[in-house]
N, C-alpha and C. Protein backbone atom coordinates (compact mmCIF):
# COMPACT_ATOMS: atom_id res chain seq x y z
N MET A 1 103.33 80.87 92.72
CA MET A 1 102.79 81.21 91.55
C MET A 1 101.38 82.41 92.45
N ALA A 2 101.22 83.05 92.08
CA ALA A 2 99.98 83.93 92.80
C ALA A 2 99.08 83.16 91.21
N GLU A 3 97.64 83.23 91.37
CA GLU A 3 97.10 83.40 90.37
C GLU A 3 96.19 84.57 90.49
N ILE A 4 95.71 85.08 89.56
CA ILE A 4 94.91 86.32 89.68
C ILE A 4 93.76 86.14 88.41
N HIS A 5 92.63 86.40 89.14
CA HIS A 5 90.64 86.00 88.52
C HIS A 5 90.70 88.04 88.48
N VAL A 6 89.89 88.13 87.09
CA VAL A 6 89.71 89.14 87.12
C VAL A 6 88.36 88.75 86.38
N GLU A 7 87.42 89.69 87.11
CA GLU A 7 86.24 89.95 86.54
C GLU A 7 85.70 91.30 86.70
N ARG A 8 84.83 91.48 85.31
CA ARG A 8 84.41 92.94 85.16
C ARG A 8 82.73 93.46 86.15
N VAL A 9 82.46 93.83 86.59
CA VAL A 9 81.60 94.22 87.65
C VAL A 9 81.14 95.63 87.24
N ASN A 10 79.90 95.56 86.67
CA ASN A 10 79.43 97.71 86.69
C ASN A 10 80.70 97.96 85.86
N ASP A 11 81.12 98.78 86.58
CA ASP A 11 81.99 100.28 86.01
C ASP A 11 83.42 99.99 86.85
N HIS A 12 83.92 98.93 87.00
CA HIS A 12 84.88 98.21 87.79
C HIS A 12 85.65 96.75 87.68
N PHE A 13 86.41 96.77 88.45
CA PHE A 13 86.80 95.62 88.71
C PHE A 13 87.20 94.92 89.19
N GLU A 14 86.81 93.32 89.72
CA GLU A 14 87.17 92.83 90.94
C GLU A 14 88.35 91.78 90.88
N VAL A 15 89.02 91.95 91.96
CA VAL A 15 90.22 91.25 91.82
C VAL A 15 90.62 90.36 92.42
N ARG A 16 90.80 88.60 92.67
CA ARG A 16 90.87 87.90 93.60
C ARG A 16 92.70 87.24 93.35
N VAL A 17 93.54 87.55 94.03
CA VAL A 17 94.84 86.77 93.93
C VAL A 17 95.02 85.90 95.17
N SER A 18 95.10 84.92 94.64
CA SER A 18 95.51 83.80 95.11
C SER A 18 96.50 82.93 95.73
N GLU A 19 97.34 82.27 96.78
CA GLU A 19 98.64 81.96 96.57
C GLU A 19 98.33 80.89 97.74
N PRO A 20 98.47 79.72 97.82
CA PRO A 20 98.48 78.43 98.48
C PRO A 20 98.13 79.05 100.11
N GLY A 21 97.13 78.50 100.30
CA GLY A 21 96.48 79.23 102.08
C GLY A 21 96.50 81.00 102.41
N SER A 22 96.03 81.67 100.78
CA SER A 22 95.89 82.98 101.06
C SER A 22 95.35 83.59 100.19
N GLU A 23 94.50 84.56 100.40
CA GLU A 23 93.99 85.25 99.07
C GLU A 23 93.53 86.63 99.88
N SER A 24 94.17 87.56 98.55
CA SER A 24 93.62 88.84 98.61
C SER A 24 92.30 89.20 97.72
N THR A 25 91.66 90.11 98.30
CA THR A 25 90.47 90.96 96.72
C THR A 25 90.93 92.31 96.79
N HIS A 26 91.03 92.89 95.36
CA HIS A 26 90.71 93.75 95.19
C HIS A 26 90.02 94.91 94.80
N ARG A 27 89.32 96.03 94.33
CA ARG A 27 88.47 96.36 93.69
C ARG A 27 89.30 97.75 92.93
N VAL A 28 89.35 97.43 91.41
CA VAL A 28 90.31 98.45 90.72
C VAL A 28 89.95 98.69 89.58
N ALA A 29 89.56 100.11 89.26
CA ALA A 29 89.26 100.85 87.94
C ALA A 29 89.83 101.45 87.02
N SER A 30 90.00 102.14 85.80
CA SER A 30 90.91 102.00 84.85
C SER A 30 90.23 103.16 83.69
N ASP A 31 90.89 104.54 83.96
CA ASP A 31 90.74 105.85 83.61
C ASP A 31 91.43 105.76 82.49
N ARG A 32 92.36 104.86 82.62
CA ARG A 32 93.44 104.96 81.51
C ARG A 32 93.58 104.19 79.99
N PRO A 33 92.28 103.74 79.49
CA PRO A 33 92.18 103.51 78.06
C PRO A 33 93.33 103.45 77.20
N ASP A 34 94.18 103.96 77.01
CA ASP A 34 94.98 104.37 76.10
C ASP A 34 96.06 103.41 76.66
N LEU A 35 95.91 103.09 78.03
CA LEU A 35 97.10 101.76 78.26
C LEU A 35 96.68 100.54 77.87
N ALA A 36 95.82 100.27 77.74
CA ALA A 36 94.95 99.24 77.59
C ALA A 36 94.80 99.04 76.25
N GLU A 37 95.70 99.45 75.59
CA GLU A 37 95.95 99.32 74.17
C GLU A 37 96.54 98.11 73.77
N GLY A 38 96.80 97.09 72.63
CA GLY A 38 97.52 96.07 72.95
C GLY A 38 97.15 95.32 73.55
N TYR A 39 95.85 94.80 74.38
CA TYR A 39 95.72 94.22 75.17
C TYR A 39 94.41 93.27 74.06
N ASP A 40 93.79 92.23 74.70
CA ASP A 40 93.02 91.32 74.13
C ASP A 40 91.36 91.59 74.67
N SER A 41 91.71 92.02 75.96
CA SER A 41 90.74 92.25 76.69
C SER A 41 90.75 93.82 77.83
N PRO A 42 89.74 94.56 78.51
CA PRO A 42 90.15 95.19 79.67
C PRO A 42 90.62 93.83 80.66
N GLU A 43 89.92 93.23 80.66
CA GLU A 43 90.40 91.95 81.53
C GLU A 43 91.72 91.48 81.83
N ALA A 44 92.26 91.46 80.82
CA ALA A 44 93.31 90.88 80.28
C ALA A 44 94.96 91.71 80.30
N PHE A 45 94.37 93.28 80.22
CA PHE A 45 95.34 94.25 80.80
C PHE A 45 95.47 94.49 82.72
N ILE A 46 94.20 94.45 82.82
CA ILE A 46 94.03 94.47 84.50
C ILE A 46 94.56 93.06 84.93
N GLU A 47 94.94 91.65 84.18
CA GLU A 47 95.49 90.74 84.53
C GLU A 47 96.90 91.51 84.43
N ALA A 48 97.25 92.17 83.53
CA ALA A 48 98.85 92.55 83.01
C ALA A 48 99.39 93.75 84.14
N CYS A 49 98.84 94.65 85.11
CA CYS A 49 98.63 95.25 85.74
C CYS A 49 99.35 94.68 86.96
N PHE A 50 98.02 93.71 87.33
CA PHE A 50 98.28 92.76 88.89
C PHE A 50 100.03 91.76 88.33
N ALA A 51 99.79 91.41 87.35
CA ALA A 51 101.27 91.07 87.38
C ALA A 51 102.76 91.57 87.58
N PHE A 52 102.26 92.35 87.27
CA PHE A 52 103.44 93.84 87.21
C PHE A 52 103.28 94.00 89.10
N LEU A 53 102.61 94.34 89.66
CA LEU A 53 102.72 94.68 90.87
C LEU A 53 103.40 93.44 91.68
N LEU A 54 102.77 92.19 91.45
CA LEU A 54 102.75 91.40 92.33
C LEU A 54 104.16 90.49 92.32
N GLU A 55 105.62 91.44 90.76
CA GLU A 55 106.31 91.06 90.18
C GLU A 55 107.04 92.30 91.56
N ARG A 56 106.56 93.09 92.05
CA ARG A 56 107.29 94.56 92.37
C ARG A 56 107.01 94.02 94.49
N GLU A 57 105.72 93.23 94.44
CA GLU A 57 105.64 93.26 95.88
C GLU A 57 104.42 92.37 96.12
N PRO A 58 104.46 91.96 97.52
CA PRO A 58 103.48 90.87 98.29
C PRO A 58 101.90 91.49 97.45
N LYS A 59 100.93 90.44 97.51
CA LYS A 59 99.61 90.81 97.53
C LYS A 59 99.24 91.44 98.92
N GLU A 60 99.79 91.52 99.58
CA GLU A 60 99.26 92.27 100.77
C GLU A 60 99.14 93.85 100.66
N SER A 61 100.58 94.23 99.77
CA SER A 61 100.70 94.90 100.04
C SER A 61 100.00 96.22 98.79
N ILE A 62 98.80 95.62 97.97
CA ILE A 62 98.64 96.14 96.94
C ILE A 62 97.22 96.88 97.81
N LEU A 63 97.08 97.81 97.08
CA LEU A 63 95.79 98.22 97.60
C LEU A 63 94.32 97.95 97.57
N GLY A 64 93.66 98.20 98.42
CA GLY A 64 92.30 97.35 98.26
C GLY A 64 91.70 97.75 97.11
N THR A 65 91.46 99.36 96.84
CA THR A 65 90.11 99.73 96.25
C THR A 65 91.48 101.19 95.42
N PHE A 66 91.33 100.82 94.08
CA PHE A 66 92.55 102.27 93.22
C PHE A 66 91.96 101.92 91.80
N ASP A 67 92.57 102.71 91.11
CA ASP A 67 92.70 102.96 89.73
C ASP A 67 93.60 103.13 89.39
N VAL A 68 94.33 101.62 88.39
CA VAL A 68 95.25 102.21 87.73
C VAL A 68 96.32 103.35 87.08
N SER A 69 95.98 104.76 87.14
CA SER A 69 96.37 105.44 86.88
C SER A 69 97.60 105.96 88.08
N VAL A 70 97.02 105.19 89.33
CA VAL A 70 97.57 105.42 90.66
C VAL A 70 98.88 105.05 90.85
N ILE A 71 98.87 103.66 89.68
CA ILE A 71 100.03 102.72 89.98
C ILE A 71 101.62 103.38 89.49
N SER A 72 101.43 104.11 88.54
CA SER A 72 102.81 104.75 88.17
C SER A 72 103.74 105.32 89.45
N ARG A 73 102.46 106.54 90.25
CA ARG A 73 102.94 106.70 91.08
C ARG A 73 104.04 106.62 92.67
N TYR A 74 103.87 104.93 92.41
CA TYR A 74 104.72 103.96 92.88
C TYR A 74 105.71 103.62 92.44
N PHE A 75 105.82 103.09 90.93
CA PHE A 75 106.23 102.44 89.95
C PHE A 75 106.97 103.54 88.91
N PRO A 76 107.84 103.92 88.97
CA PRO A 76 107.62 104.92 87.47
C PRO A 76 107.69 104.66 86.51
N ASP A 77 108.49 103.13 86.40
CA ASP A 77 108.17 102.56 84.94
C ASP A 77 106.94 101.56 84.62
N PHE A 78 106.13 102.24 85.46
CA PHE A 78 104.67 101.05 85.06
C PHE A 78 104.36 100.93 83.55
N GLU A 79 104.04 102.50 83.45
CA GLU A 79 103.15 102.99 81.94
C GLU A 79 104.41 102.25 80.87
N GLU A 80 105.54 102.61 81.04
CA GLU A 80 106.51 102.18 79.75
C GLU A 80 106.41 100.84 79.42
N THR A 81 106.51 100.18 81.05
CA THR A 81 106.20 98.75 81.08
C THR A 81 104.93 97.96 80.91
N ILE A 82 103.56 98.09 81.12
CA ILE A 82 102.63 97.92 80.95
C ILE A 82 102.25 98.02 79.32
N ALA A 83 102.39 99.43 79.08
CA ALA A 83 102.12 99.46 76.81
C ALA A 83 103.66 98.53 75.99
N GLY A 84 104.54 98.43 76.61
CA GLY A 84 105.57 97.66 75.73
C GLY A 84 104.79 96.09 75.66
């Protein structure tokens, strides 16, 4: 199981995804505060976004830099799932 670590850095988040023997890092922005409603913090929302992605693809397939608004381009059920 992957471990997700999220840290806010100025206007974006640095996300580190660790698995035994390997790690990936990602720079993530979020211009969709409406999707984050109901989460305890922006960091918890970003962690949930990564949990969603990791259920569907390996960490190596996740873009290195992106805004969460692009996730629904690749996974049409993202907004419904993440808000639910």
